[in-house]
PDB file of N, CA and C in Angstrom:
ATOM      1  N   MET A   1      35.852 -14.815   8.395  1.00  0.00           N
ATOM      2  CA  MET A   1      35.635 -13.740   9.228  1.00  0.00           C
ATOM      3  C   MET A   1      34.138 -12.963   8.924  1.00  0.00           C
ATOM      4  N   ILE A   2      33.317 -12.760   9.906  1.00  0.00           N
ATOM      5  CA  ILE A   2      32.296 -12.110   9.780  1.00  0.00           C
ATOM      6  C   ILE A   2      32.776 -10.683   9.828  1.00  0.00           C
ATOM      7  N   LEU A   3      31.971  -9.925   8.830  1.00  0.00           N
ATOM      8  CA  LEU A   3      32.197  -8.128   9.091  1.00  0.00           C
ATOM      9  C   LEU A   3      31.104  -7.747  10.232  1.00  0.00           C
ATOM     10  N   THR A   4      31.739  -7.136  11.403  1.00  0.00           N
ATOM     11  CA  THR A   4      30.852  -6.576  12.628  1.00  0.00           C
ATOM     12  C   THR A   4      30.160  -5.120  11.770  1.00  0.00           C
ATOM     13  N   ASN A   5      29.350  -4.602  12.431  1.00  0.00           N
ATOM     14  CA  ASN A   5      29.027  -3.526  12.694  1.00  0.00           C
ATOM     15  C   ASN A   5      30.008  -2.214  12.082  1.00  0.00           C
ATOM     16  N   PRO A   6      29.631  -1.405  11.116  1.00  0.00           N
ATOM     17  CA  PRO A   6      30.577  -0.432  10.599  1.00  0.00           C
ATOM     18  C   PRO A   6      30.630   0.416  11.824  1.00  0.00           C
ATOM     19  N   MET A   7      29.843   0.608  13.097  1.00  0.00           N
ATOM     20  CA  MET A   7      29.831   1.392  13.931  1.00  0.00           C
ATOM     21  C   MET A   7      31.130   0.898  14.840  1.00  0.00           C
ATOM     22  N   GLU A   8      31.580  -0.098  14.819  1.00  0.00           N
ATOM     23  CA  GLU A   8      32.442  -0.853  15.455  1.00  0.00           C
ATOM     24  C   GLU A   8      34.176  -0.756  15.287  1.00  0.00           C
ATOM     25  N   PHE A   9      34.111   0.202  13.748  1.00  0.00           N
ATOM     26  CA  PHE A   9      35.168   0.779  13.484  1.00  0.00           C
ATOM     27  C   PHE A   9      35.603   2.387  13.774  1.00  0.00           C
ATOM     28  N   ILE A  10      36.822   2.763  13.878  1.00  0.00           N
ATOM     29  CA  ILE A  10      37.046   3.998  14.325  1.00  0.00           C
ATOM     30  C   ILE A  10      38.402   4.319  13.568  1.00  0.00           C
ATOM     31  N   VAL A  11      38.128   5.988  13.606  1.00  0.00           N
ATOM     32  CA  VAL A  11      39.240   6.682  13.008  1.00  0.00           C
ATOM     33  C   VAL A  11      39.892   7.657  14.242  1.00  0.00           C
ATOM     34  N   ILE A  12      41.235   7.512  14.279  1.00  0.00           N
ATOM     35  CA  ILE A  12      41.956   8.470  15.273  1.00  0.00           C
ATOM     36  C   ILE A  12      42.640   9.131  14.989  1.00  0.00           C
ATOM     37  N   LEU A  13      42.568  10.156  15.216  1.00  0.00           N
ATOM     38  CA  LEU A  13      43.385  11.370  15.341  1.00  0.00           C
ATOM     39  C   LEU A  13      44.594  11.717  16.429  1.00  0.00           C
ATOM     40  N   ILE A  14      45.630  11.596  15.798  1.00  0.00           N
ATOM     41  CA  ILE A  14      46.780  12.019  16.741  1.00  0.00           C
ATOM     42  C   ILE A  14      47.803  12.947  15.879  1.00  0.00           C
ATOM     43  N   THR A  15      48.109  13.849  16.993  1.00  0.00           N
ATOM     44  CA  THR A  15      49.031  14.847  16.203  1.00  0.00           C
ATOM     45  C   THR A  15      50.610  14.266  17.040  1.00  0.00           C
ATOM     46  N   ALA A  16      51.583  14.884  16.367  1.00  0.00           N
ATOM     47  CA  ALA A  16      53.143  14.568  16.842  1.00  0.00           C
ATOM     48  C   ALA A  16      53.976  15.697  16.327  1.00  0.00           C
ATOM     49  N   GLY A  17      55.347  15.967  16.891  1.00  0.00           N
ATOM     50  CA  GLY A  17      56.004  16.802  16.709  1.00  0.00           C
ATOM     51  C   GLY A  17      56.767  16.730  15.192  1.00  0.00           C
ATOM     52  N   SER A  18      56.989  16.027  14.998  1.00  0.00           N
ATOM     53  CA  SER A  18      57.747  15.464  13.665  1.00  0.00           C
ATOM     54  C   SER A  18      57.513  14.536  12.864  1.00  0.00           C
ATOM     55  N   VAL A  19      57.771  14.258  11.546  1.00  0.00           N
ATOM     56  CA  VAL A  19      57.368  13.083  10.469  1.00  0.00           C
ATOM     57  C   VAL A  19      57.972  12.018  11.105  1.00  0.00           C
ATOM     58  N   GLU A  20      59.307  12.271  12.004  1.00  0.00           N
ATOM     59  CA  GLU A  20      60.121  11.011  12.119  1.00  0.00           C
ATOM     60  C   GLU A  20      59.331  10.356  13.640  1.00  0.00           C
ATOM     61  N   GLU A  21      58.882  11.322  14.464  1.00  0.00           N
ATOM     62  CA  GLU A  21      57.792  10.523  15.520  1.00  0.00           C
ATOM     63  C   GLU A  21      56.666  10.142  15.157  1.00  0.00           C
ATOM     64  N   GLY A  22      55.738  10.802  14.236  1.00  0.00           N
ATOM     65  CA  GLY A  22      54.887   9.976  13.646  1.00  0.00           C
ATOM     66  C   GLY A  22      55.144   8.813  12.936  1.00  0.00           C
ATOM     67  N   GLU A  23      55.843   8.784  12.316  1.00  0.00           N
ATOM     68  CA  GLU A  23      56.394   7.353  11.794  1.00  0.00           C
ATOM     69  C   GLU A  23      56.814   6.554  12.974  1.00  0.00           C
ATOM     70  N   LYS A  24      57.218   6.741  13.825  1.00  0.00           N
ATOM     71  CA  LYS A  24      57.732   5.885  14.972  1.00  0.00           C
ATOM     72  C   LYS A  24      56.139   5.124  15.766  1.00  0.00           C
ATOM     73  N   ILE A  25      55.417   6.298  15.725  1.00  0.00           N
ATOM     74  CA  ILE A  25      54.019   6.123  16.437  1.00  0.00           C
ATOM     75  C   ILE A  25      53.378   4.662  15.346  1.00  0.00           C
ATOM     76  N   ALA A  26      53.455   5.587  13.902  1.00  0.00           N
ATOM     77  CA  ALA A  26      52.986   4.504  12.944  1.00  0.00           C
ATOM     78  C   ALA A  26      53.120   3.111  13.131  1.00  0.00           C
ATOM     79  N   ASN A  27      54.167   3.112  13.073  1.00  0.00           N
ATOM     80  CA  ASN A  27      55.214   1.943  13.155  1.00  0.00           C
ATOM     81  C   ASN A  27      54.605   0.891  14.357  1.00  0.00           C
ATOM     82  N   ALA A  28      54.496   1.428  15.334  1.00  0.00           N
ATOM     83  CA  ALA A  28      54.322   0.924  16.865  1.00  0.00           C
ATOM     84  C   ALA A  28      52.790   0.362  16.673  1.00  0.00           C
ATOM     85  N   LEU A  29      51.885   1.192  15.872  1.00  0.00           N
ATOM     86  CA  LEU A  29      50.534   0.673  16.099  1.00  0.00           C
ATOM     87  C   LEU A  29      50.485  -0.410  14.824  1.00  0.00           C
ATOM     88  N   VAL A  30      51.010  -0.293  14.097  1.00  0.00           N
ATOM     89  CA  VAL A  30      50.529  -1.237  12.470  1.00  0.00           C
ATOM     90  C   VAL A  30      51.417  -2.502  12.914  1.00  0.00           C
ATOM     91  N   GLU A  31      52.527  -2.544  13.644  1.00  0.00           N
ATOM     92  CA  GLU A  31      53.378  -3.606  13.842  1.00  0.00           C
ATOM     93  C   GLU A  31      52.704  -4.620  14.965  1.00  0.00           C
ATOM     94  N   SER A  32      52.175  -3.882  15.616  1.00  0.00           N
ATOM     95  CA  SER A  32      51.739  -4.639  16.854  1.00  0.00           C
ATOM     96  C   SER A  32      49.793  -4.966  16.317  1.00  0.00           C
ATOM     97  N   ARG A  33      49.391  -4.788  15.178  1.00  0.00           N
ATOM     98  CA  ARG A  33      48.227  -4.993  14.903  1.00  0.00           C
ATOM     99  C   ARG A  33      46.916  -4.283  15.557  1.00  0.00           C
ATOM    100  N   LEU A  34      47.226  -3.255  15.991  1.00  0.00           N
ATOM    101  CA  LEU A  34      46.220  -2.350  16.592  1.00  0.00           C
ATOM    102  C   LEU A  34      45.865  -1.760  15.763  1.00  0.00           C
ATOM    103  N   ALA A  35      46.488  -1.221  14.737  1.00  0.00           N
ATOM    104  CA  ALA A  35      45.841  -0.268  13.780  1.00  0.00           C
ATOM    105  C   ALA A  35      46.112  -1.039  12.081  1.00  0.00           C
ATOM    106  N   ALA A  36      45.235  -1.096  11.223  1.00  0.00           N
ATOM    107  CA  ALA A  36      45.440  -1.684   9.896  1.00  0.00           C
ATOM    108  C   ALA A  36      46.078  -0.517   9.007  1.00  0.00           C
ATOM    109  N   CYS A  37      46.244   0.595   9.323  1.00  0.00           N
ATOM    110  CA  CYS A  37      46.864   1.576   8.236  1.00  0.00           C
ATOM    111  C   CYS A  37      46.717   2.949   9.167  1.00  0.00           C
ATOM    112  N   VAL A  38      48.093   3.868   8.842  1.00  0.00           N
ATOM    113  CA  VAL A  38      48.090   4.912   9.526  1.00  0.00           C
ATOM    114  C   VAL A  38      48.360   6.001   8.307  1.00  0.00           C
ATOM    115  N   ASN A  39      47.672   7.064   8.162  1.00  0.00           N
ATOM    116  CA  ASN A  39      47.898   7.972   7.167  1.00  0.00           C
ATOM    117  C   ASN A  39      48.877   9.052   8.084  1.00  0.00           C
ATOM    118  N   ILE A  40      49.999   9.690   7.207  1.00  0.00           N
ATOM    119  CA  ILE A  40      50.763  10.768   7.953  1.00  0.00           C
ATOM    120  C   ILE A  40      50.659  11.930   7.406  1.00  0.00           C
ATOM    121  N   ILE A  41      49.830  12.955   7.441  1.00  0.00           N
ATOM    122  CA  ILE A  41      49.925  14.612   7.160  1.00  0.00           C
ATOM    123  C   ILE A  41      51.082  15.242   7.611  1.00  0.00           C
ATOM    124  N   PRO A  42      51.738  15.213   6.568  1.00  0.00           N
ATOM    125  CA  PRO A  42      53.183  15.809   6.930  1.00  0.00           C
ATOM    126  C   PRO A  42      53.002  17.348   7.602  1.00  0.00           C
ATOM    127  N   SER A  43      52.421  18.483   7.174  1.00  0.00           N
ATOM    128  CA  SER A  43      52.482  19.407   7.783  1.00  0.00           C
ATOM    129  C   SER A  43      50.903  20.091   7.770  1.00  0.00           C
ATOM    130  N   VAL A  44      50.726  20.173   9.436  1.00  0.00           N
ATOM    131  CA  VAL A  44      49.664  21.127  10.012  1.00  0.00           C
ATOM    132  C   VAL A  44      50.011  22.030  11.135  1.00  0.00           C
ATOM    133  N   LYS A  45      49.361  23.318  11.154  1.00  0.00           N
ATOM    134  CA  LYS A  45      49.795  23.905  11.994  1.00  0.00           C
ATOM    135  C   LYS A  45      48.630  23.823  13.208  1.00  0.00           C
ATOM    136  N   SER A  46      48.984  24.189  14.502  1.00  0.00           N
ATOM    137  CA  SER A  46      47.996  23.680  15.620  1.00  0.00           C
ATOM    138  C   SER A  46      48.321  25.056  16.608  1.00  0.00           C
ATOM    139  N   ILE A  47      47.308  25.480  16.972  1.00  0.00           N
ATOM    140  CA  ILE A  47      47.260  26.873  17.679  1.00  0.00           C
ATOM    141  C   ILE A  47      46.261  26.134  18.918  1.00  0.00           C
ATOM    142  N   PHE A  48      46.484  26.151  20.105  1.00  0.00           N
ATOM    143  CA  PHE A  48      46.093  25.354  21.166  1.00  0.00           C
ATOM    144  C   PHE A  48      46.791  26.364  22.474  1.00  0.00           C
ATOM    145  N   PHE A  49      45.663  26.267  23.864  1.00  0.00           N
ATOM    146  CA  PHE A  49      46.174  26.881  24.597  1.00  0.00           C
ATOM    147  C   PHE A  49      46.850  25.784  25.855  1.00  0.00           C
ATOM    148  N   TRP A  50      48.165  26.056  26.316  1.00  0.00           N
ATOM    149  CA  TRP A  50      49.071  25.115  27.044  1.00  0.00           C
ATOM    150  C   TRP A  50      49.884  25.874  27.900  1.00  0.00           C
ATOM    151  N   GLU A  51      49.696  25.342  29.503  1.00  0.00           N
ATOM    152  CA  GLU A  51      50.601  26.020  30.656  1.00  0.00           C
ATOM    153  C   GLU A  51      50.443  27.356  30.405  1.00  0.00           C
ATOM    154  N   GLY A  52      49.151  28.048  30.070  1.00  0.00           N
ATOM    155  CA  GLY A  52      48.822  29.500  30.537  1.00  0.00           C
ATOM    156  C   GLY A  52      49.149  30.429  29.347  1.00  0.00           C
ATOM    157  N   LYS A  53      49.746  29.975  28.179  1.00  0.00           N
ATOM    158  CA  LYS A  53      49.688  30.472  26.994  1.00  0.00           C
ATOM    159  C   LYS A  53      49.130  29.676  25.757  1.00  0.00           C
ATOM    160  N   THR A  54      48.807  30.967  24.662  1.00  0.00           N
ATOM    161  CA  THR A  54      48.520  30.307  23.554  1.00  0.00           C
ATOM    162  C   THR A  54      49.877  29.870  22.689  1.00  0.00           C
ATOM    163  N   CYS A  55      49.536  28.616  22.177  1.00  0.00           N
ATOM    164  CA  CYS A  55      50.758  28.297  21.232  1.00  0.00           C
ATOM    165  C   CYS A  55      50.410  28.242  19.887  1.00  0.00           C
ATOM    166  N   LEU A  56      51.469  28.153  18.728  1.00  0.00           N
ATOM    167  CA  LEU A  56      51.264  27.854  17.256  1.00  0.00           C
ATOM    168  C   LEU A  56      52.542  26.877  17.045  1.00  0.00           C
ATOM    169  N   GLU A  57      52.148  25.741  16.764  1.00  0.00           N
ATOM    170  CA  GLU A  57      53.345  25.044  16.662  1.00  0.00           C
ATOM    171  C   GLU A  57      53.115  24.236  15.538  1.00  0.00           C
ATOM    172  N   SER A  58      54.038  23.651  14.636  1.00  0.00           N
ATOM    173  CA  SER A  58      53.849  22.876  13.243  1.00  0.00           C
ATOM    174  C   SER A  58      53.837  21.464  13.806  1.00  0.00           C
ATOM    175  N   GLU A  59      53.034  20.749  13.385  1.00  0.00           N
ATOM    176  CA  GLU A  59      52.921  19.315  13.808  1.00  0.00           C
ATOM    177  C   GLU A  59      52.424  18.433  12.661  1.00  0.00           C
ATOM    178  N   VAL A  60      52.457  16.900  12.773  1.00  0.00           N
ATOM    179  CA  VAL A  60      51.986  15.919  11.628  1.00  0.00           C
ATOM    180  C   VAL A  60      50.697  15.436  11.997  1.00  0.00           C
ATOM    181  N   LEU A  61      49.976  15.393  11.230  1.00  0.00           N
ATOM    182  CA  LEU A  61      48.532  14.846  11.903  1.00  0.00           C
ATOM    183  C   LEU A  61      48.384  13.114  11.527  1.00  0.00           C
ATOM    184  N   LEU A  62      48.297  12.016  12.255  1.00  0.00           N
ATOM    185  CA  LEU A  62      47.825  10.501  12.387  1.00  0.00           C
ATOM    186  C   LEU A  62      46.724  10.331  12.066  1.00  0.00           C
ATOM    187  N   VAL A  63      46.180   9.836  11.067  1.00  0.00           N
ATOM    188  CA  VAL A  63      44.913   9.087  11.034  1.00  0.00           C
ATOM    189  C   VAL A  63      44.800   7.719  11.040  1.00  0.00           C
ATOM    190  N   VAL A  64      44.713   7.521  11.910  1.00  0.00           N
ATOM    191  CA  VAL A  64      44.671   6.084  11.998  1.00  0.00           C
ATOM    192  C   VAL A  64      43.246   5.275  11.874  1.00  0.00           C
ATOM    193  N   LYS A  65      43.150   3.934  11.150  1.00  0.00           N
ATOM    194  CA  LYS A  65      42.466   3.169  11.128  1.00  0.00           C
ATOM    195  C   LYS A  65      42.285   2.069  11.807  1.00  0.00           C
ATOM    196  N   SER A  66      41.211   2.178  12.754  1.00  0.00           N
ATOM    197  CA  SER A  66      41.519   0.512  13.630  1.00  0.00           C
ATOM    198  C   SER A  66      39.577   0.254  14.058  1.00  0.00           C
ATOM    199  N   ARG A  67      39.696  -0.380  15.330  1.00  0.00           N
ATOM    200  CA  ARG A  67      38.153  -0.880  15.359  1.00  0.00           C
ATOM    201  C   ARG A  67      38.297  -0.420  17.452  1.00  0.00           C
ATOM    202  N   ARG A  68      37.036  -0.086  17.629  1.00  0.00           N
ATOM    203  CA  ARG A  68      36.743   0.413  18.460  1.00  0.00           C
ATOM    204  C   ARG A  68      37.036  -0.340  19.986  1.00  0.00           C
ATOM    205  N   GLN A  69      37.214  -1.675  19.928  1.00  0.00           N
ATOM    206  CA  GLN A  69      37.719  -2.329  21.123  1.00  0.00           C
ATOM    207  C   GLN A  69      38.801  -2.319  21.372  1.00  0.00           C
ATOM    208  N   LEU A  70      39.854  -1.701  20.261  1.00  0.00           N
ATOM    209  CA  LEU A  70      40.929  -1.817  20.315  1.00  0.00           C
ATOM    210  C   LEU A  70      41.820  -0.225  21.184  1.00  0.00           C
ATOM    211  N   LEU A  71      40.834   0.742  21.327  1.00  0.00           N
ATOM    212  CA  LEU A  71      41.186   2.077  21.632  1.00  0.00           C
ATOM    213  C   LEU A  71      42.053   2.208  22.754  1.00  0.00           C
ATOM    214  N   GLU A  72      41.454   1.597  23.733  1.00  0.00           N
ATOM    215  CA  GLU A  72      42.621   1.531  25.255  1.00  0.00           C
ATOM    216  C   GLU A  72      43.901   0.853  25.088  1.00  0.00           C
ATOM    217  N   LYS A  73      44.089  -0.041  24.062  1.00  0.00           N
ATOM    218  CA  LYS A  73      45.409  -0.787  23.977  1.00  0.00           C
ATOM    219  C   LYS A  73      46.271   0.354  22.678  1.00  0.00           C
ATOM    220  N   ILE A  74      45.504   0.969  22.079  1.00  0.00           N
ATOM    221  CA  ILE A  74      46.180   2.075  21.293  1.00  0.00           C
ATOM    222  C   ILE A  74      46.555   3.382  22.269  1.00  0.00           C
ATOM    223  N   ILE A  75      45.581   3.614  23.133  1.00  0.00           N
ATOM    224  CA  ILE A  75      45.726   4.553  23.859  1.00  0.00           C
ATOM    225  C   ILE A  75      47.272   4.502  24.474  1.00  0.00           C
ATOM    226  N   ASP A  76      46.840   3.199  25.487  1.00  0.00           N
ATOM    227  CA  ASP A  76      48.955   2.908  26.053  1.00  0.00           C
ATOM    228  C   ASP A  76      49.668   2.909  25.275  1.00  0.00           C
ATOM    229  N   LYS A  77      49.517   2.486  23.754  1.00  0.00           N
ATOM    230  CA  LYS A  77      51.223   2.611  23.156  1.00  0.00           C
ATOM    231  C   LYS A  77      51.692   3.595  22.766  1.00  0.00           C
ATOM    232  N   VAL A  78      50.323   4.708  22.139  1.00  0.00           N
ATOM    233  CA  VAL A  78      50.946   5.910  22.015  1.00  0.00           C
ATOM    234  C   VAL A  78      51.716   6.689  22.953  1.00  0.00           C
ATOM    235  N   LYS A  79      51.090   6.473  24.079  1.00  0.00           N
ATOM    236  CA  LYS A  79      51.366   7.075  25.052  1.00  0.00           C
ATOM    237  C   LYS A  79      53.161   6.700  25.854  1.00  0.00           C
ATOM    238  N   GLN A  80      53.312   5.220  25.185  1.00  0.00           N
ATOM    239  CA  GLN A  80      54.592   4.583  25.638  1.00  0.00           C
ATOM    240  C   GLN A  80      55.508   5.347  24.510  1.00  0.00           C
ATOM    241  N   VAL A  81      55.302   5.668  23.456  1.00  0.00           N
ATOM    242  CA  VAL A  81      55.991   6.159  22.611  1.00  0.00           C
ATOM    243  C   VAL A  81      56.071   7.635  22.174  1.00  0.00           C
ATOM    244  N   HIS A  82      55.050   8.331  22.632  1.00  0.00           N
ATOM    245  CA  HIS A  82      55.012   9.540  22.308  1.00  0.00           C
ATOM    246  C   HIS A  82      55.889  10.529  23.060  1.00  0.00           C
ATOM    247  N   SER A  83      56.510  11.567  23.069  1.00  0.00           N
ATOM    248  CA  SER A  83      57.311  12.474  23.443  1.00  0.00           C
ATOM    249  C   SER A  83      56.395  13.445  23.980  1.00  0.00           C
ATOM    250  N   TYR A  84      55.123  14.051  23.815  1.00  0.00           N
ATOM    251  CA  TYR A  84      54.136  14.703  24.199  1.00  0.00           C
ATOM    252  C   TYR A  84      53.566  14.179  25.727  1.00  0.00           C
ATOM    253  N   LYS A  85      53.655  15.121  26.551  1.00  0.00           N
ATOM    254  CA  LYS A  85      53.269  14.871  28.117  1.00  0.00           C
ATOM    255  C   LYS A  85      51.609  14.531  28.140  1.00  0.00           C
ATOM    256  N   VAL A  86      50.866  15.445  27.098  1.00  0.00           N
ATOM    257  CA  VAL A  86      49.581  14.778  27.144  1.00  0.00           C
ATOM    258  C   VAL A  86      49.185  14.738  25.251  1.00  0.00           C
ATOM    259  N   PRO A  87      49.792  13.553  24.846  1.00  0.00           N
ATOM    260  CA  PRO A  87      49.282  13.894  23.459  1.00  0.00           C
ATOM    261  C   PRO A  87      47.983  13.663  23.036  1.00  0.00           C
ATOM    262  N   GLU A  88      47.716  14.267  21.427  1.00  0.00           N
ATOM    263  CA  GLU A  88      46.140  14.233  21.281  1.00  0.00           C
ATOM    264  C   GLU A  88      45.788  12.962  21.171  1.00  0.00           C
ATOM    265  N   ILE A  89      44.867  12.194  21.173  1.00  0.00           N
ATOM    266  CA  ILE A  89      44.658  11.142  20.809  1.00  0.00           C
ATOM    267  C   ILE A  89      42.922  11.126  20.784  1.00  0.00           C
ATOM    268  N   ILE A  90      42.330  11.095  19.735  1.00  0.00           N
ATOM    269  CA  ILE A  90      40.584  11.342  19.840  1.00  0.00           C
ATOM    270  C   ILE A  90      40.330  10.192  18.755  1.00  0.00           C
ATOM    271  N   ALA A  91      39.501   9.857  19.260  1.00  0.00           N
ATOM    272  CA  ALA A  91      38.647   8.679  18.461  1.00  0.00           C
ATOM    273  C   ALA A  91      37.170   8.908  17.629  1.00  0.00           C
ATOM    274  N   LEU A  92      37.136   8.744  16.691  1.00  0.00           N
ATOM    275  CA  LEU A  92      35.748   9.142  15.966  1.00  0.00           C
ATOM    276  C   LEU A  92      35.086   7.950  15.407  1.00  0.00           C
ATOM    277  N   PRO A  93      33.855   7.499  15.123  1.00  0.00           N
ATOM    278  CA  PRO A  93      32.917   6.474  14.912  1.00  0.00           C
ATOM    279  C   PRO A  93      33.146   6.412  13.474  1.00  0.00           C
ATOM    280  N   VAL A  94      33.343   5.208  12.922  1.00  0.00           N
ATOM    281  CA  VAL A  94      32.913   4.996  11.764  1.00  0.00           C
ATOM    282  C   VAL A  94      31.464   4.934  11.209  1.00  0.00           C
ATOM    283  N   ILE A  95      30.844   5.703  10.234  1.00  0.00           N
ATOM    284  CA  ILE A  95      29.160   5.611  10.161  1.00  0.00           C
ATOM    285  C   ILE A  95      29.034   4.548   9.195  1.00  0.00           C
ATOM    286  N   ASP A  96      29.910   4.413   8.247  1.00  0.00           N
ATOM    287  CA  ASP A  96      29.632   3.337   6.780  1.00  0.00           C
ATOM    288  C   ASP A  96      30.850   3.618   6.046  1.00  0.00           C
ATOM    289  N   GLY A  97      30.837   2.471   5.222  1.00  0.00           N
ATOM    290  CA  GLY A  97      32.201   2.930   4.370  1.00  0.00           C
ATOM    291  C   GLY A  97      32.098   1.104   3.934  1.00  0.00           C
ATOM    292  N   SER A  98      33.196   1.292   2.823  1.00  0.00           N
ATOM    293  CA  SER A  98      33.425   0.182   1.848  1.00  0.00           C
ATOM    294  C   SER A  98      33.256  -1.018   2.744  1.00  0.00           C
ATOM    295  N   ARG A  99      32.473  -1.847   2.415  1.00  0.00           N
ATOM    296  CA  ARG A  99      32.333  -3.254   3.082  1.00  0.00           C
ATOM    297  C   ARG A  99      33.748  -3.496   2.936  1.00  0.00           C
ATOM    298  N   GLU A 100      34.396  -3.858   1.803  1.00  0.00           N
ATOM    299  CA  GLU A 100      35.752  -4.453   1.514  1.00  0.00           C
ATOM    300  C   GLU A 100      36.542  -3.887   2.418  1.00  0.00           C
ATOM    301  N   TYR A 101      37.098  -2.667   2.538  1.00  0.00           N
ATOM    302  CA  TYR A 101      37.855  -2.137   3.208  1.00  0.00           C
ATOM    303  C   TYR A 101      37.695  -2.035   4.849  1.00  0.00           C
ATOM    304  N   LEU A 102      36.615  -2.048   5.064  1.00  0.00           N
ATOM    305  CA  LEU A 102      36.467  -2.488   6.525  1.00  0.00           C
ATOM    306  C   LEU A 102      36.779  -4.231   6.942  1.00  0.00           C
ATOM    307  N   LYS A 103      36.448  -4.619   6.078  1.00  0.00           N
ATOM    308  CA  LYS A 103      36.771  -6.273   6.134  1.00  0.00           C
ATOM    309  C   LYS A 103      38.172  -6.524   6.516  1.00  0.00           C
ATOM    310  N   TRP A 104      38.916  -5.733   5.619  1.00  0.00           N
ATOM    311  CA  TRP A 104      40.161  -5.569   5.765  1.00  0.00           C
ATOM    312  C   TRP A 104      41.141  -5.253   7.417  1.00  0.00           C
ATOM    313  N   VAL A 105      40.147  -4.358   7.389  1.00  0.00           N
ATOM    314  CA  VAL A 105      40.756  -3.514   9.031  1.00  0.00           C
ATOM    315  C   VAL A 105      40.425  -4.304   9.726  1.00  0.00           C
ATOM    316  N   GLU A 106      39.252  -5.136   9.723  1.00  0.00           N
ATOM    317  CA  GLU A 106      39.127  -6.189  10.593  1.00  0.00           C
ATOM    318  C   GLU A 106      40.273  -7.335  10.802  1.00  0.00           C
ATOM    319  N   GLU A 107      40.217  -7.725   9.455  1.00  0.00           N
ATOM    320  CA  GLU A 107      41.240  -8.977   9.500  1.00  0.00           C
ATOM    321  C   GLU A 107      42.607  -8.787   9.681  1.00  0.00           C
ATOM    322  N   ILE A 108      42.938  -7.286   9.650  1.00  0.00           N
ATOM    323  CA  ILE A 108      44.379  -6.990   9.951  1.00  0.00           C
ATOM    324  C   ILE A 108      44.666  -6.862  11.586  1.00  0.00           C
ATOM    325  N   THR A 109      43.262  -5.996  12.463  1.00  0.00           N
ATOM    326  CA  THR A 109      43.385  -5.819  13.518  1.00  0.00           C
ATOM    327  C   THR A 109      42.940  -6.972  14.356  1.00  0.00           C
ATOM    328  N   SER A 110      42.572  -8.395  13.812  1.00  0.00           N
ATOM    329  CA  SER A 110      42.126  -9.290  14.745  1.00  0.00           C
ATOM    330  C   SER A 110      43.420 -10.506  14.980  1.00  0.00           C
TER     331      SER A 110
END
């Protein structure tokens, strides 16, 4: 397999309401090979404006490693298993990284 441009890789940030829900989303992404790895950061505080008021919630943060061409499938999969009406799914480009790691991400998600 030939390693593609590092810019073709993405990190996706997804919040969830609990560790259990985060694990459910992470497993769905990894088992379907849409993501090579998902880190679950167990305790973040989120302040956001929703339905006319400012909210403060405890959430978990998922850090998903994948490829840009899989983003639409990732969004669809997350929406299938996520409990939120409007889940946070934000993709950030990878500008560079360890060639060995990026090659592994590519192999797992191909």
